[in-house]
Amino acid sequence: MNRLGLLSSSFSLNLWSDLHSMWQYAFMQHAFEAGSIVAIVAGMVGYFVVIRRLSFAAHALSHAGFAGAAGAVLMNLNPLFGLLIFTGGGGLAMAALGKKAASRDVQIGNVLAFMLGLGVLFISLYKGYATEAYSLLFGEILGISSGNVTLTWIAALVIICAVALLYRRLLFTSLDEDVAEARGISMLGMNIIFMLLISLAVSIAVQVVGVLLIFALLVTPASIAQRLTKHPLQGIGLSITVALVATWIGLFTSYYVPYPVSFFIVSVVFIAYLIVRLVQFLQHTGKAQPASD
């Protein structure tokens, strides 16, 4: 149920008053806290997802997570634990089966098909209404508990520390796999580590935008950043900024408009992406025009 439907708040021109009105509710505080953490992680990991051409993998892992959540519900466990286990297992399988980028899509597709089959099986075996598992399809950030916020913090710290420690290796293996392997870097080992990082990032991002909309935070902000700057650190910073702004706007808007938060977040990042593409197209057209004359 959309908690915002229970509120009788109306938007005013006093931004400070509007923010104060939102922050009096604990669930909005939890939503902003978890959403900000997830946006930072998604923006950071998403940048490497884009330059490593692993967008399909992020999408596939989110579906694997849904299968895990359905299995957890079947065993009367917290869906988040099933989500983590299945995304982790799926990530390991994808890394082991698809060592090189050229063969990755086929292997990822095979793992995705198997995971979706398990998800269908688990849902069919469950006799009740799997509300918690189904909520992961579109995200349920407004219903996130303080316990899940804590788990999100822990997962985020693990990801941020891992990326900081492995930054140079991640960047090197992302830009040129063959040269990195020739220099003695284990591509299998780096693929496994990075797929586990994606798995963890997907698991916490699903709470915000859901399984079906995972691209909104993991891929689109990073795609925007990659088009605007070629410097990796600047790209990561810009990707995080876009994800944060989209999440904040989505949460703020959904407080006053009774529609899903994930819809607004997806809309903001997609519109931003279209604007960037349009501006670059017009710039390219403007530069090419004198030459044609």
C-alpha atoms as a PDB file:
ATOM      1  CA  MET A   1       0.000   0.000   0.000  1.00  0.00           C
ATOM      2  CA  ASN A   2       1.218   3.499  -0.823  1.00  0.00           C
ATOM      3  CA  ARG A   3       1.668   5.265   2.476  1.00  0.00           C
ATOM      4  CA  LEU A   4       1.548   8.618   0.763  1.00  0.00           C
ATOM      5  CA  GLY A   5      -2.078   8.019  -0.054  1.00  0.00           C
ATOM      6  CA  LEU A   6      -2.804   8.309   3.669  1.00  0.00           C
ATOM      7  CA  LEU A   7      -1.301  11.796   3.889  1.00  0.00           C
ATOM      8  CA  SER A   8      -3.207  14.982   3.238  1.00  0.00           C
ATOM      9  CA  SER A   9      -0.175  17.113   2.406  1.00  0.00           C
ATOM     10  CA  SER A  10      -0.176  19.723  -0.324  1.00  0.00           C
ATOM     11  CA  PHE A  11       2.735  21.360  -2.065  1.00  0.00           C
ATOM     12  CA  SER A  12       3.475  24.991  -1.242  1.00  0.00           C
ATOM     13  CA  LEU A  13       5.956  27.540  -2.551  1.00  0.00           C
ATOM     14  CA  ASN A  14       7.843  27.371   0.757  1.00  0.00           C
ATOM     15  CA  LEU A  15      10.448  24.676   0.071  1.00  0.00           C
ATOM     16  CA  TRP A  16      11.719  24.658   3.654  1.00  0.00           C
ATOM     17  CA  SER A  17       8.190  24.104   4.976  1.00  0.00           C
ATOM     18  CA  ASP A  18       7.619  21.300   2.465  1.00  0.00           C
ATOM     19  CA  LEU A  19      10.833  19.557   3.485  1.00  0.00           C
ATOM     20  CA  HIS A  20       9.986  19.927   7.167  1.00  0.00           C
ATOM     21  CA  SER A  21       6.558  18.416   6.493  1.00  0.00           C
ATOM     22  CA  MET A  22       8.138  15.356   4.891  1.00  0.00           C
ATOM     23  CA  TRP A  23      10.791  14.833   7.532  1.00  0.00           C
ATOM     24  CA  GLN A  24       8.299  14.567  10.386  1.00  0.00           C
ATOM     25  CA  TYR A  25       7.536  11.020   9.225  1.00  0.00           C
ATOM     26  CA  ALA A  26       9.986   8.256  10.108  1.00  0.00           C
ATOM     27  CA  PHE A  27       9.315   6.305   6.914  1.00  0.00           C
ATOM     28  CA  MET A  28      10.285   9.325   4.813  1.00  0.00           C
ATOM     29  CA  GLN A  29      13.494   9.707   6.816  1.00  0.00           C
ATOM     30  CA  HIS A  30      14.287   6.037   6.201  1.00  0.00           C
ATOM     31  CA  ALA A  31      13.442   6.430   2.511  1.00  0.00           C
ATOM     32  CA  PHE A  32      15.748   9.421   2.015  1.00  0.00           C
ATOM     33  CA  GLU A  33      18.548   7.776   3.960  1.00  0.00           C
ATOM     34  CA  ALA A  34      18.342   4.447   2.133  1.00  0.00           C
ATOM     35  CA  GLY A  35      17.733   6.148  -1.212  1.00  0.00           C
ATOM     36  CA  SER A  36      20.820   8.337  -0.835  1.00  0.00           C
ATOM     37  CA  ILE A  37      23.012   5.383   0.120  1.00  0.00           C
ATOM     38  CA  VAL A  38      21.744   3.322  -2.804  1.00  0.00           C
ATOM     39  CA  ALA A  39      22.193   6.225  -5.240  1.00  0.00           C
ATOM     40  CA  ILE A  40      25.833   6.662  -4.209  1.00  0.00           C
ATOM     41  CA  VAL A  41      26.572   2.946  -4.585  1.00  0.00           C
ATOM     42  CA  ALA A  42      24.620   2.599  -7.836  1.00  0.00           C
ATOM     43  CA  GLY A  43      26.330   5.636  -9.347  1.00  0.00           C
ATOM     44  CA  MET A  44      29.769   4.313  -8.402  1.00  0.00           C
ATOM     45  CA  VAL A  45      29.328   0.681  -9.430  1.00  0.00           C
ATOM     46  CA  GLY A  46      27.187   1.657 -12.409  1.00  0.00           C
ATOM     47  CA  TYR A  47      30.064   3.564 -13.973  1.00  0.00           C
ATOM     48  CA  PHE A  48      32.138   0.382 -14.118  1.00  0.00           C
ATOM     49  CA  VAL A  49      29.092  -1.584 -15.295  1.00  0.00           C
ATOM     50  CA  VAL A  50      28.814   0.728 -18.302  1.00  0.00           C
ATOM     51  CA  ILE A  51      32.497   0.800 -19.284  1.00  0.00           C
ATOM     52  CA  ARG A  52      32.751  -2.985 -18.822  1.00  0.00           C
ATOM     53  CA  ARG A  53      29.613  -3.451 -20.976  1.00  0.00           C
ATOM     54  CA  LEU A  54      27.791  -5.391 -18.268  1.00  0.00           C
ATOM     55  CA  SER A  55      24.380  -3.692 -18.399  1.00  0.00           C
ATOM     56  CA  PHE A  56      22.713  -6.984 -19.317  1.00  0.00           C
ATOM     57  CA  ALA A  57      24.409  -8.637 -16.340  1.00  0.00           C
ATOM     58  CA  ALA A  58      22.973  -6.057 -13.931  1.00  0.00           C
ATOM     59  CA  HIS A  59      19.533  -6.633 -15.403  1.00  0.00           C
ATOM     60  CA  ALA A  60      19.927 -10.422 -15.199  1.00  0.00           C
ATOM     61  CA  LEU A  61      21.101 -10.304 -11.571  1.00  0.00           C
ATOM     62  CA  SER A  62      18.062  -8.288 -10.562  1.00  0.00           C
ATOM     63  CA  HIS A  63      15.836 -11.039 -11.944  1.00  0.00           C
ATOM     64  CA  ALA A  64      17.940 -13.660 -10.191  1.00  0.00           C
ATOM     65  CA  GLY A  65      17.385 -11.679  -7.004  1.00  0.00           C
ATOM     66  CA  PHE A  66      13.630 -11.862  -7.493  1.00  0.00           C
ATOM     67  CA  ALA A  67      13.882 -15.656  -7.704  1.00  0.00           C
ATOM     68  CA  GLY A  68      15.838 -15.632  -4.442  1.00  0.00           C
ATOM     69  CA  ALA A  69      13.288 -13.367  -2.777  1.00  0.00           C
ATOM     70  CA  ALA A  70      10.486 -15.702  -3.876  1.00  0.00           C
ATOM     71  CA  GLY A  71      12.412 -18.692  -2.472  1.00  0.00           C
ATOM     72  CA  ALA A  72      12.958 -16.875   0.828  1.00  0.00           C
ATOM     73  CA  VAL A  73       9.244 -16.107   1.102  1.00  0.00           C
ATOM     74  CA  LEU A  74       8.497 -19.786   0.436  1.00  0.00           C
ATOM     75  CA  MET A  75      10.754 -20.717   3.390  1.00  0.00           C
ATOM     76  CA  ASN A  76       9.326 -17.943   5.571  1.00  0.00           C
ATOM     77  CA  LEU A  77      12.554 -15.920   5.563  1.00  0.00           C
ATOM     78  CA  ASN A  78      13.331 -12.251   4.933  1.00  0.00           C
ATOM     79  CA  PRO A  79      13.208 -11.744   1.120  1.00  0.00           C
ATOM     80  CA  LEU A  80      16.354  -9.587   1.315  1.00  0.00           C
ATOM     81  CA  PHE A  81      18.434 -12.601   2.376  1.00  0.00           C
ATOM     82  CA  GLY A  82      17.177 -14.636  -0.569  1.00  0.00           C
ATOM     83  CA  LEU A  83      17.901 -11.685  -2.813  1.00  0.00           C
ATOM     84  CA  LEU A  84      21.512 -11.493  -1.645  1.00  0.00           C
ATOM     85  CA  ILE A  85      22.115 -15.250  -1.921  1.00  0.00           C
ATOM     86  CA  PHE A  86      20.721 -15.585  -5.446  1.00  0.00           C
ATOM     87  CA  THR A  87      22.336 -12.454  -6.858  1.00  0.00           C
ATOM     88  CA  GLY A  88      25.645 -13.581  -5.380  1.00  0.00           C
ATOM     89  CA  GLY A  89      25.285 -17.095  -6.761  1.00  0.00           C
ATOM     90  CA  GLY A  90      24.166 -15.772 -10.142  1.00  0.00           C
ATOM     91  CA  GLY A  91      27.086 -13.354 -10.242  1.00  0.00           C
ATOM     92  CA  LEU A  92      29.578 -16.141  -9.531  1.00  0.00           C
ATOM     93  CA  ALA A  93      28.055 -18.319 -12.253  1.00  0.00           C
ATOM     94  CA  MET A  94      28.185 -15.495 -14.809  1.00  0.00           C
ATOM     95  CA  ALA A  95      31.795 -14.645 -13.955  1.00  0.00           C
ATOM     96  CA  ALA A  96      32.900 -18.292 -14.164  1.00  0.00           C
ATOM     97  CA  LEU A  97      31.084 -19.036 -17.424  1.00  0.00           C
ATOM     98  CA  GLY A  98      31.796 -15.794 -19.287  1.00  0.00           C
ATOM     99  CA  LYS A  99      35.445 -14.877 -18.899  1.00  0.00           C
ATOM    100  CA  LYS A 100      35.607 -12.558 -21.903  1.00  0.00           C
ATOM    101  CA  ALA A 101      33.182  -9.805 -22.914  1.00  0.00           C
ATOM    102  CA  ALA A 102      32.599 -11.429 -26.319  1.00  0.00           C
ATOM    103  CA  SER A 103      31.033 -14.560 -24.790  1.00  0.00           C
ATOM    104  CA  ARG A 104      29.426 -12.947 -21.749  1.00  0.00           C
ATOM    105  CA  ASP A 105      25.964 -12.182 -23.118  1.00  0.00           C
ATOM    106  CA  VAL A 106      25.235 -15.804 -24.042  1.00  0.00           C
ATOM    107  CA  GLN A 107      26.332 -17.103 -20.633  1.00  0.00           C
ATOM    108  CA  ILE A 108      24.420 -14.382 -18.795  1.00  0.00           C
ATOM    109  CA  GLY A 109      21.311 -15.233 -20.810  1.00  0.00           C
ATOM    110  CA  ASN A 110      21.599 -18.899 -19.826  1.00  0.00           C
ATOM    111  CA  VAL A 111      21.927 -18.077 -16.126  1.00  0.00           C
ATOM    112  CA  LEU A 112      19.034 -15.602 -16.362  1.00  0.00           C
ATOM    113  CA  ALA A 113      16.726 -18.185 -17.948  1.00  0.00           C
ATOM    114  CA  PHE A 114      17.482 -20.714 -15.196  1.00  0.00           C
ATOM    115  CA  MET A 115      16.964 -18.156 -12.406  1.00  0.00           C
ATOM    116  CA  LEU A 116      13.647 -16.993 -13.857  1.00  0.00           C
ATOM    117  CA  GLY A 117      12.517 -20.612 -14.027  1.00  0.00           C
ATOM    118  CA  LEU A 118      13.319 -21.029 -10.330  1.00  0.00           C
ATOM    119  CA  GLY A 119      11.404 -17.844  -9.536  1.00  0.00           C
ATOM    120  CA  VAL A 120       8.303 -19.130 -11.313  1.00  0.00           C
ATOM    121  CA  LEU A 121       8.608 -22.437  -9.439  1.00  0.00           C
ATOM    122  CA  PHE A 122       8.932 -20.776  -6.015  1.00  0.00           C
ATOM    123  CA  ILE A 123       5.968 -18.465  -6.621  1.00  0.00           C
ATOM    124  CA  SER A 124       3.804 -21.366  -7.801  1.00  0.00           C
ATOM    125  CA  LEU A 125       4.696 -23.421  -4.698  1.00  0.00           C
ATOM    126  CA  TYR A 126       3.811 -20.589  -2.322  1.00  0.00           C
ATOM    127  CA  LYS A 127       0.201 -20.905  -1.215  1.00  0.00           C
ATOM    128  CA  GLY A 128      -0.241 -17.411   0.189  1.00  0.00           C
ATOM    129  CA  TYR A 129       0.107 -13.978  -1.394  1.00  0.00           C
ATOM    130  CA  ALA A 130       3.800 -13.175  -1.700  1.00  0.00           C
ATOM    131  CA  THR A 131       3.436  -9.437  -1.130  1.00  0.00           C
ATOM    132  CA  GLU A 132       7.041  -8.901  -0.043  1.00  0.00           C
ATOM    133  CA  ALA A 133       8.473 -10.729  -3.030  1.00  0.00           C
ATOM    134  CA  TYR A 134       6.195  -9.000  -5.528  1.00  0.00           C
ATOM    135  CA  SER A 135       7.006  -5.569  -4.049  1.00  0.00           C
ATOM    136  CA  LEU A 136      10.606  -6.100  -5.180  1.00  0.00           C
ATOM    137  CA  LEU A 137       9.459  -5.968  -8.810  1.00  0.00           C
ATOM    138  CA  PHE A 138       8.852  -2.218  -8.610  1.00  0.00           C
ATOM    139  CA  GLY A 139      10.607  -1.233  -5.386  1.00  0.00           C
ATOM    140  CA  GLU A 140       9.162  -0.343  -1.997  1.00  0.00           C
ATOM    141  CA  ILE A 141      11.455   2.289  -0.564  1.00  0.00           C
ATOM    142  CA  LEU A 142       8.636   3.950   1.370  1.00  0.00           C
ATOM    143  CA  GLY A 143       8.180   0.743   3.323  1.00  0.00           C
ATOM    144  CA  ILE A 144      11.834   0.168   4.165  1.00  0.00           C
ATOM    145  CA  SER A 145      12.472  -0.572   7.837  1.00  0.00           C
ATOM    146  CA  SER A 146      15.218   0.814  10.055  1.00  0.00           C
ATOM    147  CA  GLY A 147      16.761  -2.681  10.067  1.00  0.00           C
ATOM    148  CA  ASN A 148      16.962  -2.724   6.281  1.00  0.00           C
ATOM    149  CA  VAL A 149      18.466   0.762   6.337  1.00  0.00           C
ATOM    150  CA  THR A 150      21.217  -0.600   8.585  1.00  0.00           C
ATOM    151  CA  LEU A 151      21.810  -3.535   6.219  1.00  0.00           C
ATOM    152  CA  THR A 152      21.961  -1.068   3.333  1.00  0.00           C
ATOM    153  CA  TRP A 153      24.599   0.962   5.176  1.00  0.00           C
ATOM    154  CA  ILE A 154      26.711  -2.142   5.811  1.00  0.00           C
ATOM    155  CA  ALA A 155      26.464  -3.332   2.200  1.00  0.00           C
ATOM    156  CA  ALA A 156      27.311   0.157   0.926  1.00  0.00           C
ATOM    157  CA  LEU A 157      30.423   0.405   3.106  1.00  0.00           C
ATOM    158  CA  VAL A 158      31.630  -2.980   1.842  1.00  0.00           C
ATOM    159  CA  ILE A 159      31.146  -1.912  -1.786  1.00  0.00           C
ATOM    160  CA  ILE A 160      32.754   1.519  -1.365  1.00  0.00           C
ATOM    161  CA  CYS A 161      35.799   0.077   0.432  1.00  0.00           C
ATOM    162  CA  ALA A 162      36.205  -2.651  -2.186  1.00  0.00           C
ATOM    163  CA  VAL A 163      36.000  -0.193  -5.084  1.00  0.00           C
ATOM    164  CA  ALA A 164      38.483   2.152  -3.384  1.00  0.00           C
ATOM    165  CA  LEU A 165      40.974  -0.662  -2.808  1.00  0.00           C
ATOM    166  CA  LEU A 166      40.602  -2.163  -6.288  1.00  0.00           C
ATOM    167  CA  TYR A 167      40.032   1.050  -8.242  1.00  0.00           C
ATOM    168  CA  ARG A 168      43.139   0.870 -10.442  1.00  0.00           C
ATOM    169  CA  ARG A 169      42.717  -2.816 -11.226  1.00  0.00           C
ATOM    170  CA  LEU A 170      39.004  -2.379 -11.925  1.00  0.00           C
ATOM    171  CA  LEU A 171      39.690   0.513 -14.276  1.00  0.00           C
ATOM    172  CA  PHE A 172      42.563  -1.291 -16.031  1.00  0.00           C
ATOM    173  CA  THR A 173      40.600  -4.509 -16.588  1.00  0.00           C
ATOM    174  CA  SER A 174      37.544  -2.518 -17.670  1.00  0.00           C
ATOM    175  CA  LEU A 175      39.373  -0.592 -20.385  1.00  0.00           C
ATOM    176  CA  ASP A 176      41.554  -3.357 -21.846  1.00  0.00           C
ATOM    177  CA  GLU A 177      41.082  -6.971 -20.754  1.00  0.00           C
ATOM    178  CA  ASP A 178      43.809  -8.420 -22.971  1.00  0.00           C
ATOM    179  CA  VAL A 179      46.538  -6.021 -21.852  1.00  0.00           C
ATOM    180  CA  ALA A 180      45.525  -6.412 -18.204  1.00  0.00           C
ATOM    181  CA  GLU A 181      45.747 -10.189 -18.486  1.00  0.00           C
ATOM    182  CA  ALA A 182      49.122  -9.913 -20.226  1.00  0.00           C
ATOM    183  CA  ARG A 183      50.332  -7.844 -17.261  1.00  0.00           C
ATOM    184  CA  GLY A 184      49.510 -10.750 -14.929  1.00  0.00           C
ATOM    185  CA  ILE A 185      46.109  -9.665 -13.631  1.00  0.00           C
ATOM    186  CA  SER A 186      43.694 -12.585 -13.238  1.00  0.00           C
ATOM    187  CA  MET A 187      40.635 -11.707 -15.303  1.00  0.00           C
ATOM    188  CA  LEU A 188      38.661 -14.536 -13.734  1.00  0.00           C
ATOM    189  CA  GLY A 189      39.441 -13.269 -10.259  1.00  0.00           C
ATOM    190  CA  MET A 190      38.567  -9.662 -11.128  1.00  0.00           C
ATOM    191  CA  ASN A 191      35.387 -10.753 -12.891  1.00  0.00           C
ATOM    192  CA  ILE A 192      34.291 -12.725  -9.841  1.00  0.00           C
ATOM    193  CA  ILE A 193      34.999  -9.820  -7.494  1.00  0.00           C
ATOM    194  CA  PHE A 194      33.218  -7.308  -9.690  1.00  0.00           C
ATOM    195  CA  MET A 195      30.193  -9.545 -10.293  1.00  0.00           C
ATOM    196  CA  LEU A 196      29.862  -9.937  -6.519  1.00  0.00           C
ATOM    197  CA  LEU A 197      30.004  -6.150  -6.173  1.00  0.00           C
ATOM    198  CA  ILE A 198      27.266  -5.802  -8.799  1.00  0.00           C
ATOM    199  CA  SER A 199      25.246  -8.456  -6.970  1.00  0.00           C
ATOM    200  CA  LEU A 200      25.475  -6.548  -3.717  1.00  0.00           C
ATOM    201  CA  ALA A 201      24.673  -3.242  -5.425  1.00  0.00           C
ATOM    202  CA  VAL A 202      21.679  -4.767  -7.216  1.00  0.00           C
ATOM    203  CA  SER A 203      20.386  -6.262  -3.973  1.00  0.00           C
ATOM    204  CA  ILE A 204      20.234  -2.892  -2.245  1.00  0.00           C
ATOM    205  CA  ALA A 205      19.138  -0.922  -5.337  1.00  0.00           C
ATOM    206  CA  VAL A 206      16.153  -3.237  -5.865  1.00  0.00           C
ATOM    207  CA  GLN A 207      14.604  -1.787  -2.695  1.00  0.00           C
ATOM    208  CA  VAL A 208      14.464   1.623  -4.382  1.00  0.00           C
ATOM    209  CA  VAL A 209      13.517   1.028  -8.025  1.00  0.00           C
ATOM    210  CA  GLY A 210      12.665  -2.674  -8.113  1.00  0.00           C
ATOM    211  CA  VAL A 211      13.764  -5.556 -10.293  1.00  0.00           C
ATOM    212  CA  LEU A 212      12.116  -4.305 -13.473  1.00  0.00           C
ATOM    213  CA  LEU A 213      13.575  -0.788 -13.277  1.00  0.00           C
ATOM    214  CA  ILE A 214      17.101  -1.511 -12.060  1.00  0.00           C
ATOM    215  CA  PHE A 215      18.618   0.224 -15.109  1.00  0.00           C
ATOM    216  CA  ALA A 216      17.369   3.560 -13.774  1.00  0.00           C
ATOM    217  CA  LEU A 217      20.053   3.798 -11.104  1.00  0.00           C
ATOM    218  CA  LEU A 218      22.714   1.333 -12.216  1.00  0.00           C
ATOM    219  CA  VAL A 219      23.052   2.241 -15.884  1.00  0.00           C
ATOM    220  CA  THR A 220      21.404   5.517 -16.930  1.00  0.00           C
ATOM    221  CA  PRO A 221      23.300   7.925 -14.607  1.00  0.00           C
ATOM    222  CA  ALA A 222      26.586   6.272 -15.585  1.00  0.00           C
ATOM    223  CA  SER A 223      25.641   6.500 -19.275  1.00  0.00           C
ATOM    224  CA  ILE A 224      25.051  10.232 -18.852  1.00  0.00           C
ATOM    225  CA  ALA A 225      28.372  10.655 -17.060  1.00  0.00           C
ATOM    226  CA  GLN A 226      30.276   8.717 -19.713  1.00  0.00           C
ATOM    227  CA  ARG A 227      28.913  11.019 -22.415  1.00  0.00           C
ATOM    228  CA  LEU A 228      29.836  14.184 -20.536  1.00  0.00           C
ATOM    229  CA  THR A 229      33.363  13.332 -19.362  1.00  0.00           C
ATOM    230  CA  LYS A 230      36.094  10.850 -20.227  1.00  0.00           C
ATOM    231  CA  HIS A 231      37.923  11.235 -16.915  1.00  0.00           C
ATOM    232  CA  PRO A 232      37.053   8.201 -14.730  1.00  0.00           C
ATOM    233  CA  LEU A 233      36.952   9.959 -11.343  1.00  0.00           C
ATOM    234  CA  GLN A 234      34.898  12.822 -12.748  1.00  0.00           C
ATOM    235  CA  GLY A 235      32.629  10.281 -14.427  1.00  0.00           C
ATOM    236  CA  ILE A 236      32.038   8.419 -11.171  1.00  0.00           C
ATOM    237  CA  GLY A 237      31.340  11.689  -9.342  1.00  0.00           C
ATOM    238  CA  LEU A 238      28.898  12.841 -12.024  1.00  0.00           C
ATOM    239  CA  SER A 239      27.179   9.445 -12.100  1.00  0.00           C
ATOM    240  CA  ILE A 240      26.678   9.568  -8.329  1.00  0.00           C
ATOM    241  CA  THR A 241      25.375  13.149  -8.539  1.00  0.00           C
ATOM    242  CA  VAL A 242      22.794  12.288 -11.207  1.00  0.00           C
ATOM    243  CA  ALA A 243      21.605   9.240  -9.235  1.00  0.00           C
ATOM    244  CA  LEU A 244      21.336  11.263  -6.015  1.00  0.00           C
ATOM    245  CA  VAL A 245      19.428  14.157  -7.596  1.00  0.00           C
ATOM    246  CA  ALA A 246      17.031  11.777  -9.368  1.00  0.00           C
ATOM    247  CA  THR A 247      16.368   9.864  -6.141  1.00  0.00           C
ATOM    248  CA  TRP A 248      15.765  13.028  -4.116  1.00  0.00           C
ATOM    249  CA  ILE A 249      13.459  14.505  -6.752  1.00  0.00           C
ATOM    250  CA  GLY A 250      11.586  11.201  -6.986  1.00  0.00           C
ATOM    251  CA  LEU A 251      11.059  10.982  -3.232  1.00  0.00           C
ATOM    252  CA  PHE A 252      10.084  14.654  -2.912  1.00  0.00           C
ATOM    253  CA  THR A 253       7.616  14.479  -5.803  1.00  0.00           C
ATOM    254  CA  SER A 254       6.011  11.226  -4.686  1.00  0.00           C
ATOM    255  CA  TYR A 255       5.280  12.742  -1.279  1.00  0.00           C
ATOM    256  CA  TYR A 256       2.825  15.142  -2.904  1.00  0.00           C
ATOM    257  CA  VAL A 257       1.721  13.038  -5.882  1.00  0.00           C
ATOM    258  CA  PRO A 258       0.303   9.563  -5.057  1.00  0.00           C
ATOM    259  CA  TYR A 259       2.273   7.583  -7.627  1.00  0.00           C
ATOM    260  CA  PRO A 260       5.216   5.149  -7.226  1.00  0.00           C
ATOM    261  CA  VAL A 261       8.592   6.632  -6.290  1.00  0.00           C
ATOM    262  CA  SER A 262      10.341   4.399  -8.819  1.00  0.00           C
ATOM    263  CA  PHE A 263       8.317   5.958 -11.654  1.00  0.00           C
ATOM    264  CA  PHE A 264       9.581   9.447 -10.820  1.00  0.00           C
ATOM    265  CA  ILE A 265      13.195   8.318 -10.376  1.00  0.00           C
ATOM    266  CA  VAL A 266      13.153   6.503 -13.715  1.00  0.00           C
ATOM    267  CA  SER A 267      11.513   9.488 -15.415  1.00  0.00           C
ATOM    268  CA  VAL A 268      14.077  11.975 -14.091  1.00  0.00           C
ATOM    269  CA  VAL A 269      17.139   9.975 -15.193  1.00  0.00           C
ATOM    270  CA  PHE A 270      15.613   9.090 -18.551  1.00  0.00           C
ATOM    271  CA  ILE A 271      14.668  12.697 -19.317  1.00  0.00           C
ATOM    272  CA  ALA A 272      18.173  13.785 -18.282  1.00  0.00           C
ATOM    273  CA  TYR A 273      19.650  11.182 -20.636  1.00  0.00           C
ATOM    274  CA  LEU A 274      17.450  12.364 -23.513  1.00  0.00           C
ATOM    275  CA  ILE A 275      18.453  15.995 -22.883  1.00  0.00           C
ATOM    276  CA  VAL A 276      22.150  15.095 -22.945  1.00  0.00           C
ATOM    277  CA  ARG A 277      21.724  13.125 -26.169  1.00  0.00           C
ATOM    278  CA  LEU A 278      19.725  15.964 -27.763  1.00  0.00           C
ATOM    279  CA  VAL A 279      22.270  18.619 -26.792  1.00  0.00           C
ATOM    280  CA  GLN A 280      25.146  16.521 -28.132  1.00  0.00           C
ATOM    281  CA  PHE A 281      23.238  15.839 -31.353  1.00  0.00           C
ATOM    282  CA  LEU A 282      22.594  19.570 -31.871  1.00  0.00           C
ATOM    283  CA  GLN A 283      26.245  20.368 -31.140  1.00  0.00           C
ATOM    284  CA  HIS A 284      27.400  17.736 -33.607  1.00  0.00           C
ATOM    285  CA  THR A 285      24.961  19.011 -36.235  1.00  0.00           C
ATOM    286  CA  GLY A 286      26.101  22.579 -35.669  1.00  0.00           C
ATOM    287  CA  LYS A 287      29.752  21.639 -36.165  1.00  0.00           C
ATOM    288  CA  ALA A 288      29.053  19.571 -39.266  1.00  0.00           C
ATOM    289  CA  GLN A 289      26.882  22.208 -40.969  1.00  0.00           C
ATOM    290  CA  PRO A 290      29.670  24.642 -42.031  1.00  0.00           C
ATOM    291  CA  ALA A 291      31.674  21.774 -43.531  1.00  0.00           C
ATOM    292  CA  SER A 292      28.740  20.734 -45.718  1.00  0.00           C
ATOM    293  CA  ASP A 293      28.314  24.283 -46.987  1.00  0.00           C
END
